[in-house]
């Protein structure tokens, strides 16, 4: 990361006294500033700033610096940030104006740059100049972990209880185009990779065409997903059987699979799995039918719950080298899955229960599925698409700071991810990963083809850090943390907390208590103006202190 430390003398901090007329409550005699570029991307950057007050205690503060290469500030947290020409000024908020002698205050912001992004070298705090040398380093996507400053035994706001465990996470994902072209290799890497400006998806859903000559279309994208991601699973869903096998002799408008073609259909699904396997793409899960309760004028097929149960009981064993799923009903209608779960032979033929989120919450089914849990069948939410914040041609979708798009992303989409996790579901799979309203742009509605979108960064707060095999664990919250929607997970020697603050007020200096001593903590934030930006996190024993800006989603990764 690019880092500027204003420092001097043996204490490595430059103490500067100045004869400057200051307010009575701001008689600062000296100061130090840590300015770090925490992340940088094309034409944009994020920075973290820590002020150390070396003089008398302050009750208000204003920090000023200048840019030399045309940089501009765009959005800040834990401070009010303004810019006049090349001069930027950060002032305290109501909750962080007090800085004791040798105490600190921290804030962060995002900005833009053009050709270069040199670090400021001169800062003034309430008129006192803090000057020193500049030591630039390479920007990093990993936020810094501050030295311990939290008093021992601080009352926790979020207490993690790893002794109480819930579901094991299978992943978070999206679908490739079912009828269109495939993702490019670069787009696939953006979606499933876990590096800087990558989104970390761990499940990719694809369609099973009734025409085998169409199967090669997605091979390269699925192969790239398997090789570019970490533990990526492939879910394959058929929309219809071949027309000649159906009662309406058509691929569209529903129509049932004729019972004398049940074995042909099972062999068809198995043939798809073996074909993909031969191409180097193992298919982890095969659904028997996408939306058996929806019969539109495009590829579709009608099943009842009892018909699905009969099919998997009698034909399921023919579909080799994968695990089966029922039933991907539109709103997780239990009538399509209960018959299979209640039939021992059918139940033993499947590995997963699937369902879509359309109308599920209104139907009262965005909750734990007791019968699935009774028989240890993980529940996957395998499709949802919601985008009403703007019209389909509106360039609002390509505007990274559009308020309506962010509000829909946070209050509707991310809220349902949180509720799905609280419902003990093991996977959440969005509709198309590449679309103007989705995770990467498709070139329409003002979006750049393959460029990460705000919704993708928000989704990555789960997908990139909560990995397959992690287990959700219990937590409790203090009154201060009540506005927050929090889930916690454990795996790989880490505890990860995903925290939604959908309120209009920041929750500052929230103390997270974990059961063991912490060796490192990282905090990442997505908001209307930030994209997975690193934030300060303070470690003290088994506690981590973070601040959670209003209208944001944060992921705190605690290494034990």
Protein backbone atom coordinates (compact mmCIF):
# COMPACT_ATOMS: atom_id res chain seq x y z
CA UNK A 1 0.00 0.00 0.00
CA UNK A 2 1.10 3.58 -0.48
CA UNK A 3 1.80 4.96 2.98
CA UNK A 4 2.78 8.40 4.25
CA UNK A 5 3.92 8.62 7.86
CA UNK A 6 4.48 12.10 9.25
CA UNK A 7 7.30 11.35 11.68
CA UNK A 8 10.54 12.59 13.23
CA UNK A 9 13.08 12.37 16.09
CA UNK A 10 13.71 9.24 18.13
CA UNK A 11 10.03 8.63 18.69
CA UNK A 12 9.48 8.43 14.91
CA UNK A 13 6.85 11.16 15.14
CA UNK A 14 7.39 14.75 14.11
CA UNK A 15 6.21 17.06 16.90
CA UNK A 16 5.64 20.54 15.57
CA UNK A 17 4.77 23.59 17.66
CA UNK A 18 3.36 26.59 15.88
CA UNK A 19 2.29 30.05 16.93
CA UNK A 20 -1.15 29.83 15.36
CA UNK A 21 -4.35 31.36 16.67
CA UNK A 22 -6.55 28.34 17.52
CA UNK A 23 -9.90 27.89 19.22
CA UNK A 24 -9.65 27.46 22.97
CA UNK A 25 -10.55 23.77 22.71
CA UNK A 26 -8.05 23.14 19.94
CA UNK A 27 -4.68 24.19 21.33
CA UNK A 28 -2.84 21.37 19.64
CA UNK A 29 0.93 21.56 20.00
CA UNK A 30 1.83 18.62 17.83
CA UNK A 31 0.41 15.91 15.61
CA UNK A 32 1.18 12.92 13.44
CA UNK A 33 -0.73 11.58 10.44
CA UNK A 34 -0.78 8.14 8.86
CA UNK A 35 -2.15 8.33 5.28
CA UNK A 36 -2.48 4.95 3.54
CA UNK A 37 -3.78 4.10 0.08
CA UNK A 38 -5.60 0.90 1.05
CA UNK A 39 -6.70 -0.03 -2.47
CA UNK A 40 -6.32 1.38 -5.97
CA UNK A 41 -8.00 0.64 -9.27
CA UNK A 42 -8.27 2.33 -12.65
CA UNK A 43 -9.04 6.01 -11.98
CA UNK A 44 -10.04 5.33 -8.38
CA UNK A 45 -8.56 4.67 -4.95
CA UNK A 46 -9.42 4.21 -1.31
CA UNK A 47 -7.45 5.72 1.56
CA UNK A 48 -7.34 5.35 5.35
CA UNK A 49 -6.13 8.22 7.54
CA UNK A 50 -5.17 8.06 11.23
CA UNK A 51 -4.52 11.23 13.23
CA UNK A 52 -2.42 11.08 16.41
CA UNK A 53 -2.79 14.08 18.70
CA UNK A 54 0.50 14.85 20.46
CA UNK A 55 -0.70 18.01 22.17
CA UNK A 56 -3.48 19.03 24.52
CA UNK A 57 -6.76 17.08 24.32
CA UNK A 58 -9.06 18.10 21.46
CA UNK A 59 -12.84 18.24 21.35
CA UNK A 60 -13.03 19.08 17.64
CA UNK A 61 -10.60 18.64 14.81
CA UNK A 62 -10.04 19.59 11.18
CA UNK A 63 -7.31 17.99 9.08
CA UNK A 64 -6.22 19.66 5.86
CA UNK A 65 -3.92 18.49 3.04
CA UNK A 66 -3.36 19.23 -0.64
CA UNK A 67 -3.17 17.10 -3.78
CA UNK A 68 -0.64 17.75 -6.52
CA UNK A 69 -1.88 15.57 -9.39
CA UNK A 70 -5.55 16.47 -9.75
CA UNK A 71 -6.94 13.87 -7.35
CA UNK A 72 -10.45 14.45 -6.01
CA UNK A 73 -12.22 13.03 -3.01
CA UNK A 74 -15.67 11.51 -3.54
CA UNK A 75 -17.00 9.96 -0.35
CA UNK A 76 -15.87 9.54 3.24
CA UNK A 77 -16.73 7.61 6.38
CA UNK A 78 -16.10 8.67 9.98
CA UNK A 79 -15.50 12.27 8.83
CA UNK A 80 -17.03 15.07 6.77
CA UNK A 81 -14.75 15.59 3.78
CA UNK A 82 -14.77 18.62 1.48
CA UNK A 83 -12.46 19.81 -1.27
CA UNK A 84 -11.75 23.31 -2.57
CA UNK A 85 -9.47 23.17 -5.58
CA UNK A 86 -6.49 21.04 -4.57
CA UNK A 87 -7.13 21.38 -0.83
CA UNK A 88 -9.06 18.70 1.03
CA UNK A 89 -10.39 19.14 4.56
CA UNK A 90 -11.73 16.42 6.87
CA UNK A 91 -13.64 17.40 9.99
CA UNK A 92 -14.92 15.26 12.83
CA UNK A 93 -18.42 13.92 13.17
CA UNK A 94 -20.45 14.28 16.36
CA UNK A 95 -19.13 11.04 17.86
CA UNK A 96 -15.37 11.29 17.19
CA UNK A 97 -14.36 14.88 17.89
CA UNK A 98 -12.55 14.10 21.13
CA UNK A 99 -8.90 13.09 20.81
CA UNK A 100 -6.95 12.71 24.03
CA UNK A 101 -3.25 13.46 24.27
CA UNK A 102 -1.52 10.65 22.36
CA UNK A 103 -4.97 9.48 21.28
CA UNK A 104 -6.04 8.81 17.71
CA UNK A 105 -8.95 9.39 15.34
CA UNK A 106 -9.35 7.50 12.08
CA UNK A 107 -11.41 7.99 8.94
CA UNK A 108 -11.42 6.78 5.38
CA UNK A 109 -12.48 7.93 1.95
CA UNK A 110 -12.60 7.12 -1.75
CA UNK A 111 -11.19 9.35 -4.46
CA UNK A 112 -10.37 9.58 -8.14
CA UNK A 113 -7.06 10.04 -9.96
CA UNK A 114 -6.00 10.38 -13.58
CA UNK A 115 -2.35 9.83 -14.50
CA UNK A 116 -0.71 9.40 -11.09
CA UNK A 117 -1.75 9.27 -7.44
CA UNK A 118 1.11 10.70 -5.34
CA UNK A 119 0.67 10.72 -1.58
CA UNK A 120 0.18 14.09 0.13
CA UNK A 121 3.22 15.16 2.14
CA UNK A 122 1.88 18.03 4.26
CA UNK A 123 -1.00 17.92 6.73
CA UNK A 124 -2.32 20.49 9.20
CA UNK A 125 -4.46 19.68 12.23
CA UNK A 126 -6.45 22.64 13.52
CA UNK A 127 -3.81 24.91 11.95
CA UNK A 128 -0.80 23.05 13.33
CA UNK A 129 1.41 21.75 10.53
CA UNK A 130 2.50 18.13 10.75
CA UNK A 131 5.34 17.66 8.27
CA UNK A 132 7.73 14.79 7.60
CA UNK A 133 9.01 12.36 5.02
CA UNK A 134 6.99 10.24 2.61
CA UNK A 135 7.57 6.51 2.28
CA UNK A 136 5.47 5.24 -0.64
CA UNK A 137 4.73 1.53 -0.99
CA UNK A 138 2.60 -0.54 -3.34
CA UNK A 139 -1.16 -0.24 -2.74
CA UNK A 140 -2.76 -3.34 -1.23
CA UNK A 141 -6.33 -4.58 -1.25
CA UNK A 142 -5.87 -5.79 2.33
CA UNK A 143 -6.84 -3.24 4.99
CA UNK A 144 -4.45 -2.55 7.85
CA UNK A 145 -4.92 -3.98 11.32
CA UNK A 146 -4.31 -1.23 13.85
CA UNK A 147 -2.27 -1.70 17.00
CA UNK A 148 -4.39 -2.59 20.04
CA UNK A 149 -6.05 0.45 21.58
CA UNK A 150 -9.29 -1.02 22.91
CA UNK A 151 -9.23 -1.21 26.72
CA UNK A 152 -9.13 -4.81 28.01
CA UNK A 153 -12.56 -6.13 28.83
CA UNK A 154 -14.52 -3.58 26.80
CA UNK A 155 -18.22 -4.46 26.78
CA UNK A 156 -18.83 -6.33 23.50
CA UNK A 157 -21.49 -5.26 21.02
CA UNK A 158 -21.38 -8.53 19.03
CA UNK A 159 -20.44 -11.72 20.87
CA UNK A 160 -19.65 -14.74 18.69
CA UNK A 161 -20.54 -18.17 20.08
CA UNK A 162 -18.73 -20.81 18.05
CA UNK A 163 -20.08 -23.62 20.25
CA UNK A 164 -23.52 -23.24 18.65
CA UNK A 165 -23.39 -24.27 15.01
CA UNK A 166 -25.90 -24.09 12.19
CA UNK A 167 -25.68 -24.98 8.47
CA UNK A 168 -22.55 -25.70 6.47
CA UNK A 169 -22.19 -23.26 3.58
CA UNK A 170 -22.04 -24.68 0.05
CA UNK A 171 -21.59 -21.31 -1.62
CA UNK A 172 -22.88 -18.17 -3.29
CA UNK A 173 -23.26 -17.91 -7.04
CA UNK A 174 -25.06 -16.96 -10.22
CA UNK A 175 -26.04 -18.42 -13.58
CA UNK A 176 -24.39 -18.30 -16.96
CA UNK A 177 -26.68 -17.38 -19.84
CA UNK A 178 -29.13 -20.24 -20.37
CA UNK A 179 -29.95 -19.37 -23.98
CA UNK A 180 -27.24 -16.88 -24.94
CA UNK A 181 -23.49 -16.75 -25.26
CA UNK A 182 -21.00 -17.86 -22.63
CA UNK A 183 -18.90 -15.76 -20.28
CA UNK A 184 -15.41 -15.04 -21.57
CA UNK A 185 -12.48 -16.43 -19.60
CA UNK A 186 -11.71 -12.94 -18.23
CA UNK A 187 -15.33 -12.44 -17.18
CA UNK A 188 -15.39 -15.84 -15.50
CA UNK A 189 -12.23 -15.00 -13.60
CA UNK A 190 -13.76 -11.72 -12.43
CA UNK A 191 -16.84 -13.55 -11.17
CA UNK A 192 -15.22 -16.52 -9.43
CA UNK A 193 -11.73 -15.29 -8.59
CA UNK A 194 -10.83 -14.11 -5.09
CA UNK A 195 -8.27 -11.44 -5.93
CA UNK A 196 -8.59 -7.66 -6.06
CA UNK A 197 -11.75 -6.54 -7.91
CA UNK A 198 -12.88 -10.17 -8.22
CA UNK A 199 -16.15 -11.34 -6.70
CA UNK A 200 -15.47 -14.81 -5.33
CA UNK A 201 -18.54 -16.74 -6.54
CA UNK A 202 -18.34 -20.41 -5.58
CA UNK A 203 -21.38 -21.81 -7.45
CA UNK A 204 -22.13 -21.46 -11.16
CA UNK A 205 -25.54 -22.52 -12.47
CA UNK A 206 -26.01 -23.59 -16.07
CA UNK A 207 -28.87 -24.94 -18.18
CA UNK A 208 -29.16 -28.41 -19.71
CA UNK A 209 -30.39 -27.98 -23.26
CA UNK A 210 -32.77 -30.65 -24.62
CA UNK A 211 -30.58 -30.59 -27.72
CA UNK A 212 -27.21 -32.23 -27.11
CA UNK A 213 -25.53 -30.30 -29.94
CA UNK A 214 -25.93 -27.16 -27.78
CA UNK A 215 -24.07 -28.62 -24.78
CA UNK A 216 -20.61 -27.39 -25.90
CA UNK A 217 -21.67 -23.71 -25.64
CA UNK A 218 -20.78 -23.33 -21.96
CA UNK A 219 -17.86 -25.76 -21.73
CA UNK A 220 -15.09 -23.15 -21.78
CA UNK A 221 -16.79 -20.88 -19.24
CA UNK A 222 -17.51 -23.74 -16.86
CA UNK A 223 -14.01 -25.12 -17.24
CA UNK A 224 -12.61 -21.64 -16.51
CA UNK A 225 -14.83 -21.41 -13.43
CA UNK A 226 -13.50 -24.70 -12.10
CA UNK A 227 -9.87 -23.71 -12.72
CA UNK A 228 -10.05 -20.02 -11.74
CA UNK A 229 -12.09 -20.27 -8.58
CA UNK A 230 -11.61 -22.11 -5.31
CA UNK A 231 -13.89 -25.10 -4.78
CA UNK A 232 -16.42 -23.91 -7.38
CA UNK A 233 -19.48 -26.14 -7.76
CA UNK A 234 -21.54 -26.45 -10.95
CA UNK A 235 -25.33 -26.78 -10.74
CA UNK A 236 -27.01 -27.90 -13.98
CA UNK A 237 -30.76 -27.32 -14.39
CA UNK A 238 -32.96 -28.51 -17.28
CA UNK A 239 -35.82 -26.29 -18.45
CA UNK A 240 -37.44 -28.99 -20.60
CA UNK A 241 -37.07 -32.46 -22.09
CA UNK A 242 -37.05 -32.87 -25.88
CA UNK A 243 -40.43 -31.92 -27.33
CA UNK A 244 -41.23 -35.42 -28.61
CA UNK A 245 -41.09 -36.82 -25.08
CA UNK A 246 -43.77 -34.43 -23.77
CA UNK A 247 -47.53 -34.51 -23.72
CA UNK A 248 -47.80 -31.20 -25.62
CA UNK A 249 -45.09 -32.13 -28.15
CA UNK A 250 -43.42 -28.76 -27.53
CA UNK A 251 -40.48 -27.34 -25.64
CA UNK A 252 -42.59 -24.44 -24.37
CA UNK A 253 -45.79 -23.85 -22.36
CA UNK A 254 -45.18 -26.60 -19.85
CA UNK A 255 -46.47 -29.99 -20.88
CA UNK A 256 -45.65 -33.11 -18.88
CA UNK A 257 -42.96 -35.68 -19.48
CA UNK A 258 -44.66 -38.84 -20.75
CA UNK A 259 -44.17 -41.63 -18.23
CA UNK A 260 -42.85 -44.02 -20.87
CA UNK A 261 -39.99 -41.54 -21.46
CA UNK A 262 -38.93 -41.34 -17.81
CA UNK A 263 -35.98 -43.66 -18.44
CA UNK A 264 -35.00 -41.73 -21.59
CA UNK A 265 -35.02 -38.49 -19.64
CA UNK A 266 -32.84 -39.99 -16.89
CA UNK A 267 -30.39 -41.21 -19.53
CA UNK A 268 -30.49 -37.76 -21.17
CA UNK A 269 -29.50 -36.07 -17.91
CA UNK A 270 -26.81 -38.63 -17.26
CA UNK A 271 -25.45 -38.24 -20.79
CA UNK A 272 -25.07 -34.51 -20.17
CA UNK A 273 -23.11 -35.18 -16.98
CA UNK A 274 -20.81 -37.69 -18.71
CA UNK A 275 -20.28 -35.34 -21.68
CA UNK A 276 -19.27 -32.46 -19.41
CA UNK A 277 -17.10 -34.75 -17.33
CA UNK A 278 -15.30 -35.78 -20.50
CA UNK A 279 -14.67 -32.10 -21.24
CA UNK A 280 -13.05 -31.61 -17.86
CA UNK A 281 -16.12 -30.10 -16.19
CA UNK A 282 -17.46 -32.26 -13.35
CA UNK A 283 -21.13 -31.45 -12.68
CA UNK A 284 -21.61 -31.38 -8.94
CA UNK A 285 -25.40 -31.15 -8.80
CA UNK A 286 -28.16 -31.90 -11.33
CA UNK A 287 -31.65 -30.57 -10.80
CA UNK A 288 -34.49 -32.68 -12.15
CA UNK A 289 -36.45 -29.63 -13.31
CA UNK A 290 -36.31 -25.86 -13.25
CA UNK A 291 -39.59 -24.40 -11.97
CA UNK A 292 -41.93 -27.38 -12.40
CA UNK A 293 -44.81 -25.10 -11.32
CA UNK A 294 -44.27 -22.42 -14.01
CA UNK A 295 -45.36 -22.97 -17.62
CA UNK A 296 -44.38 -19.92 -19.72
CA UNK A 297 -44.07 -19.55 -23.48
CA UNK A 298 -40.40 -20.51 -23.37
CA UNK A 299 -38.67 -23.77 -22.41
CA UNK A 300 -40.57 -25.33 -19.51
CA UNK A 301 -42.04 -28.61 -18.26
CA UNK A 302 -44.78 -29.41 -15.77
CA UNK A 303 -44.35 -31.80 -12.84
CA UNK A 304 -46.26 -32.46 -9.64
CA UNK A 305 -44.50 -33.20 -6.38
CA UNK A 306 -45.55 -36.84 -6.48
CA UNK A 307 -44.29 -37.20 -10.08
CA UNK A 308 -40.90 -35.83 -9.09
CA UNK A 309 -40.78 -38.24 -6.18
CA UNK A 310 -41.61 -41.17 -8.44
CA UNK A 311 -39.00 -40.14 -10.99
CA UNK A 312 -36.09 -39.86 -8.56
CA UNK A 313 -37.12 -43.05 -6.75
CA UNK A 314 -37.31 -45.11 -9.95
CA UNK A 315 -34.83 -43.39 -12.26
CA UNK A 316 -32.45 -41.41 -10.07
CA UNK A 317 -29.79 -44.09 -9.90
CA UNK A 318 -29.31 -43.87 -13.67
CA UNK A 319 -27.94 -40.32 -13.40
CA UNK A 320 -24.33 -41.07 -12.54
CA UNK A 321 -21.35 -39.07 -11.21
CA UNK A 322 -23.36 -36.26 -9.68
CA UNK A 323 -25.88 -35.55 -6.94
CA UNK A 324 -29.55 -34.81 -7.58
CA UNK A 325 -31.76 -31.91 -6.54
CA UNK A 326 -35.51 -31.36 -6.39
CA UNK A 327 -37.44 -29.25 -7.18
CA UNK A 328 -36.55 -25.58 -7.86
CA UNK A 329 -40.19 -24.53 -7.51
CA UNK A 330 -40.90 -20.83 -8.06
CA UNK A 331 -41.34 -19.98 -4.38
CA UNK A 332 -39.92 -23.06 -2.65
CA UNK A 333 -43.39 -24.56 -2.64
CA UNK A 334 -43.13 -27.48 -0.24
CA UNK A 335 -45.74 -29.37 -2.28
CA UNK A 336 -42.99 -30.07 -4.80
CA UNK A 337 -40.40 -31.32 -2.30
CA UNK A 338 -42.28 -32.84 0.64
CA UNK A 339 -43.32 -35.96 -1.34
CA UNK A 340 -39.67 -36.76 -2.06
CA UNK A 341 -38.59 -36.08 1.50
CA UNK A 342 -41.39 -38.25 2.88
CA UNK A 343 -40.47 -41.23 0.65
CA UNK A 344 -37.36 -42.98 1.98
CA UNK A 345 -36.28 -44.42 -1.37
CA UNK A 346 -36.80 -41.11 -3.19
CA UNK A 347 -35.17 -39.18 -0.37
CA UNK A 348 -32.08 -41.35 -0.49
CA UNK A 349 -31.74 -40.70 -4.23
CA UNK A 350 -31.25 -36.94 -3.82
CA UNK A 351 -28.61 -34.76 -2.21
CA UNK A 352 -30.23 -31.32 -2.17
CA UNK A 353 -33.47 -29.40 -1.94
CA UNK A 354 -33.73 -26.40 -4.28
CA UNK A 355 -36.15 -23.53 -4.56
CA UNK A 356 -36.47 -20.05 -6.03
CA UNK A 357 -37.11 -16.84 -4.14
CA UNK A 358 -39.93 -15.40 -6.25
CA UNK A 359 -42.74 -14.81 -3.73
CA UNK A 360 -41.11 -17.05 -1.13
CA UNK A 361 -40.94 -14.42 1.58
CA UNK A 362 -44.56 -13.37 1.01
CA UNK A 363 -45.56 -17.05 1.20
CA UNK A 364 -43.91 -17.34 4.61
CA UNK A 365 -41.23 -19.76 3.44
CA UNK A 366 -38.09 -17.65 3.80
CA UNK A 367 -37.38 -19.62 6.96
CA UNK A 368 -35.81 -22.92 8.03
CA UNK A 369 -37.27 -25.90 6.15
CA UNK A 370 -37.90 -28.31 9.00
CA UNK A 371 -38.50 -31.44 6.91
CA UNK A 372 -35.32 -30.91 4.90
CA UNK A 373 -33.35 -30.40 8.11
CA UNK A 374 -34.89 -33.55 9.63
CA UNK A 375 -33.41 -35.61 6.80
CA UNK A 376 -30.15 -33.63 6.52
CA UNK A 377 -30.82 -32.28 3.02
CA UNK A 378 -29.16 -28.89 2.42
CA UNK A 379 -31.47 -26.20 1.03
CA UNK A 380 -30.21 -24.11 -1.89
CA UNK A 381 -31.86 -20.93 -3.11
CA UNK A 382 -31.11 -21.42 -6.81
CA UNK A 383 -32.61 -18.37 -8.54
CA UNK A 384 -33.79 -14.85 -7.95
CA UNK A 385 -33.80 -11.70 -10.03
CA UNK A 386 -35.07 -8.34 -8.81
CA UNK A 387 -34.36 -5.02 -10.53
CA UNK A 388 -36.95 -2.27 -10.35
CA UNK A 389 -34.71 0.59 -9.19
CA UNK A 390 -34.54 1.94 -12.74
CA UNK A 391 -35.73 1.11 -16.23
CA UNK A 392 -33.96 -1.51 -18.30
CA UNK A 393 -32.31 1.14 -20.50
CA UNK A 394 -31.50 3.61 -17.72
CA UNK A 395 -27.82 4.41 -17.30
CA UNK A 396 -28.43 4.43 -13.54
CA UNK A 397 -27.32 0.78 -13.58
CA UNK A 398 -23.88 1.84 -14.77
CA UNK A 399 -23.58 4.67 -12.25
CA UNK A 400 -21.50 3.24 -9.40
CA UNK A 401 -22.94 5.69 -6.86
CA UNK A 402 -26.59 5.76 -7.95
CA UNK A 403 -28.68 5.94 -4.79
CA UNK A 404 -31.76 4.09 -6.08
CA UNK A 405 -29.68 1.16 -7.31
CA UNK A 406 -27.73 1.03 -4.05
CA UNK A 407 -30.89 1.20 -1.93
CA UNK A 408 -32.40 -1.73 -3.86
CA UNK A 409 -29.15 -3.68 -3.61
CA UNK A 410 -28.86 -3.20 0.15
CA UNK A 411 -32.50 -3.24 1.27
CA UNK A 412 -33.82 -5.93 -1.04
CA UNK A 413 -31.08 -8.14 -2.45
CA UNK A 414 -28.57 -8.20 0.40
CA UNK A 415 -31.32 -8.31 2.99
CA UNK A 416 -32.61 -11.55 1.45
CA UNK A 417 -29.12 -13.05 1.43
CA UNK A 418 -28.90 -12.35 5.16
CA UNK A 419 -32.35 -13.81 5.78
CA UNK A 420 -31.53 -16.89 3.69
CA UNK A 421 -28.49 -17.53 5.85
CA UNK A 422 -30.54 -17.02 9.02
CA UNK A 423 -33.00 -19.56 7.54
CA UNK A 424 -30.19 -22.15 7.56
CA UNK A 425 -30.04 -22.35 3.77
CA UNK A 426 -26.69 -23.49 2.46
CA UNK A 427 -26.48 -21.63 -0.86
CA UNK A 428 -27.77 -18.46 -2.51
CA UNK A 429 -27.63 -18.29 -6.32
CA UNK A 430 -28.62 -15.14 -8.19
CA UNK A 431 -29.92 -15.18 -11.77
CA UNK A 432 -27.51 -14.17 -14.55
CA UNK A 433 -24.09 -13.10 -13.29
CA UNK A 434 -23.50 -10.95 -16.38
CA UNK A 435 -26.32 -8.47 -16.86
CA UNK A 436 -26.75 -4.72 -16.45
CA UNK A 437 -28.58 -5.20 -13.12
CA UNK A 438 -26.31 -7.96 -11.89
CA UNK A 439 -22.70 -8.59 -10.86
CA UNK A 440 -20.76 -7.64 -14.00
CA UNK A 441 -21.99 -5.46 -16.84
CA UNK A 442 -23.14 -6.66 -20.25
CA UNK A 443 -22.53 -3.39 -22.13
CA UNK A 444 -26.13 -2.18 -21.89
CA UNK A 445 -27.76 0.45 -19.65
CA UNK A 446 -24.50 2.31 -19.18
CA UNK A 447 -22.56 -0.71 -17.92
CA UNK A 448 -19.16 -1.79 -19.17
CA UNK A 449 -18.95 -5.30 -20.58
CA UNK A 450 -17.39 -7.51 -17.93
CA UNK A 451 -16.85 -4.66 -15.46
CA UNK A 452 -17.81 -5.33 -11.82
CA UNK A 453 -21.00 -3.57 -10.76
CA UNK A 454 -22.12 -2.29 -7.38
CA UNK A 455 -24.38 -5.30 -6.86
CA UNK A 456 -21.44 -7.59 -7.55
CA UNK A 457 -19.25 -5.89 -4.96
CA UNK A 458 -22.06 -6.08 -2.40
CA UNK A 459 -22.64 -9.78 -3.11
CA UNK A 460 -18.91 -10.41 -2.82
CA UNK A 461 -19.11 -9.37 0.84
CA UNK A 462 -20.58 -12.86 1.33
CA UNK A 463 -19.21 -14.81 -1.63
CA UNK A 464 -15.56 -13.82 -1.43
CA UNK A 465 -15.08 -14.37 2.30
CA UNK A 466 -17.67 -16.96 3.38
CA UNK A 467 -16.32 -20.00 1.59
CA UNK A 468 -17.64 -23.50 0.90
CA UNK A 469 -17.28 -25.63 4.01
CA UNK A 470 -17.57 -22.72 6.44
CA UNK A 471 -20.19 -23.21 9.13
CA UNK A 472 -22.56 -20.56 10.37
CA UNK A 473 -22.27 -19.99 14.11
CA UNK A 474 -24.29 -18.18 16.74
CA UNK A 475 -23.94 -14.64 18.02
CA UNK A 476 -25.64 -12.16 20.33
CA UNK A 477 -25.90 -8.39 20.04
CA UNK A 478 -25.94 -5.49 22.48
CA UNK A 479 -28.50 -2.71 22.34
CA UNK A 480 -25.98 -0.59 20.45
CA UNK A 481 -25.74 -3.28 17.76
CA UNK A 482 -29.48 -3.84 17.46
CA UNK A 483 -29.77 -1.94 14.16
CA UNK A 484 -27.26 -4.32 12.58
CA UNK A 485 -28.14 -7.52 10.70
CA UNK A 486 -25.28 -9.91 11.36
CA UNK A 487 -24.36 -13.48 10.54
CA UNK A 488 -21.13 -15.19 11.59
CA UNK A 489 -19.23 -18.12 10.07
CA UNK A 490 -16.20 -20.20 11.00
CA UNK A 491 -13.75 -22.10 8.81
CA UNK A 492 -10.10 -22.26 7.83
CA UNK A 493 -8.92 -20.88 11.16
CA UNK A 494 -11.01 -17.74 10.71
CA UNK A 495 -14.27 -16.24 11.87
CA UNK A 496 -16.08 -14.11 9.31
CA UNK A 497 -18.93 -11.73 10.13
CA UNK A 498 -21.12 -10.16 7.45
CA UNK A 499 -22.78 -7.05 8.83
CA UNK A 500 -25.56 -5.04 7.19
CA UNK A 501 -26.16 -1.57 8.58
CA UNK A 502 -29.29 -0.53 6.72
CA UNK A 503 -30.00 2.27 9.19
CA UNK A 504 -29.25 5.93 8.52
CA UNK A 505 -26.82 6.16 11.46
CA UNK A 506 -23.30 4.84 11.77
CA UNK A 507 -22.48 2.36 14.51
CA UNK A 508 -19.04 3.49 15.60
CA UNK A 509 -16.41 1.56 17.54
CA UNK A 510 -18.45 -1.63 17.64
CA UNK A 511 -16.62 -4.24 19.71
CA UNK A 512 -16.71 -7.82 18.41
CA UNK A 513 -15.88 -10.54 20.94
CA UNK A 514 -14.68 -13.92 19.64
CA UNK A 515 -13.87 -17.02 21.73
CA UNK A 516 -10.10 -16.99 21.08
CA UNK A 517 -7.26 -14.50 20.86
CA UNK A 518 -7.10 -12.71 17.52
CA UNK A 519 -3.90 -12.58 15.48
CA UNK A 520 -5.25 -10.38 12.69
CA UNK A 521 -8.49 -8.67 11.66
CA UNK A 522 -9.57 -7.24 8.30
CA UNK A 523 -12.65 -5.16 7.56
CA UNK A 524 -14.08 -4.63 4.07
CA UNK A 525 -16.90 -2.22 3.20
CA UNK A 526 -19.28 -1.73 0.30
CA UNK A 527 -21.62 1.25 0.31
CA UNK A 528 -23.09 3.72 -2.16
CA UNK A 529 -19.62 5.17 -2.69
CA UNK A 530 -17.28 2.30 -1.75
CA UNK A 531 -16.51 -1.03 -3.39
CA UNK A 532 -15.08 -3.69 -1.04
CA UNK A 533 -12.81 -1.03 0.46
CA UNK A 534 -10.48 -1.86 3.33
CA UNK A 535 -11.33 -0.26 6.69
CA UNK A 536 -9.43 0.07 9.98
CA UNK A 537 -9.85 -2.78 12.46
CA UNK A 538 -8.38 -2.65 15.96
CA UNK A 539 -7.35 -5.87 17.72
CA UNK A 540 -7.08 -6.40 21.46
CA UNK A 541 -6.88 -9.98 22.70
CA UNK A 542 -10.13 -11.66 21.72
CA UNK A 543 -11.79 -8.40 20.66
CA UNK A 544 -11.94 -6.53 17.36
CA UNK A 545 -13.23 -2.97 17.12
CA UNK A 546 -14.67 -1.64 13.85
CA UNK A 547 -16.92 1.19 12.76
CA UNK A 548 -19.91 0.46 10.55
CA UNK A 549 -21.04 3.39 8.39
CA UNK A 550 -24.72 4.01 7.74
CA UNK A 551 -26.27 2.29 4.71
CA UNK A 552 -23.43 -0.18 4.21
CA UNK A 553 -22.46 -3.84 4.22
CA UNK A 554 -19.21 -4.89 5.88
CA UNK A 555 -17.30 -8.15 6.20
CA UNK A 556 -14.97 -8.58 9.15
CA UNK A 557 -12.46 -11.42 8.74
CA UNK A 558 -10.87 -12.48 12.03
CA UNK A 559 -7.81 -14.73 11.93
CA UNK A 560 -7.48 -16.74 15.13
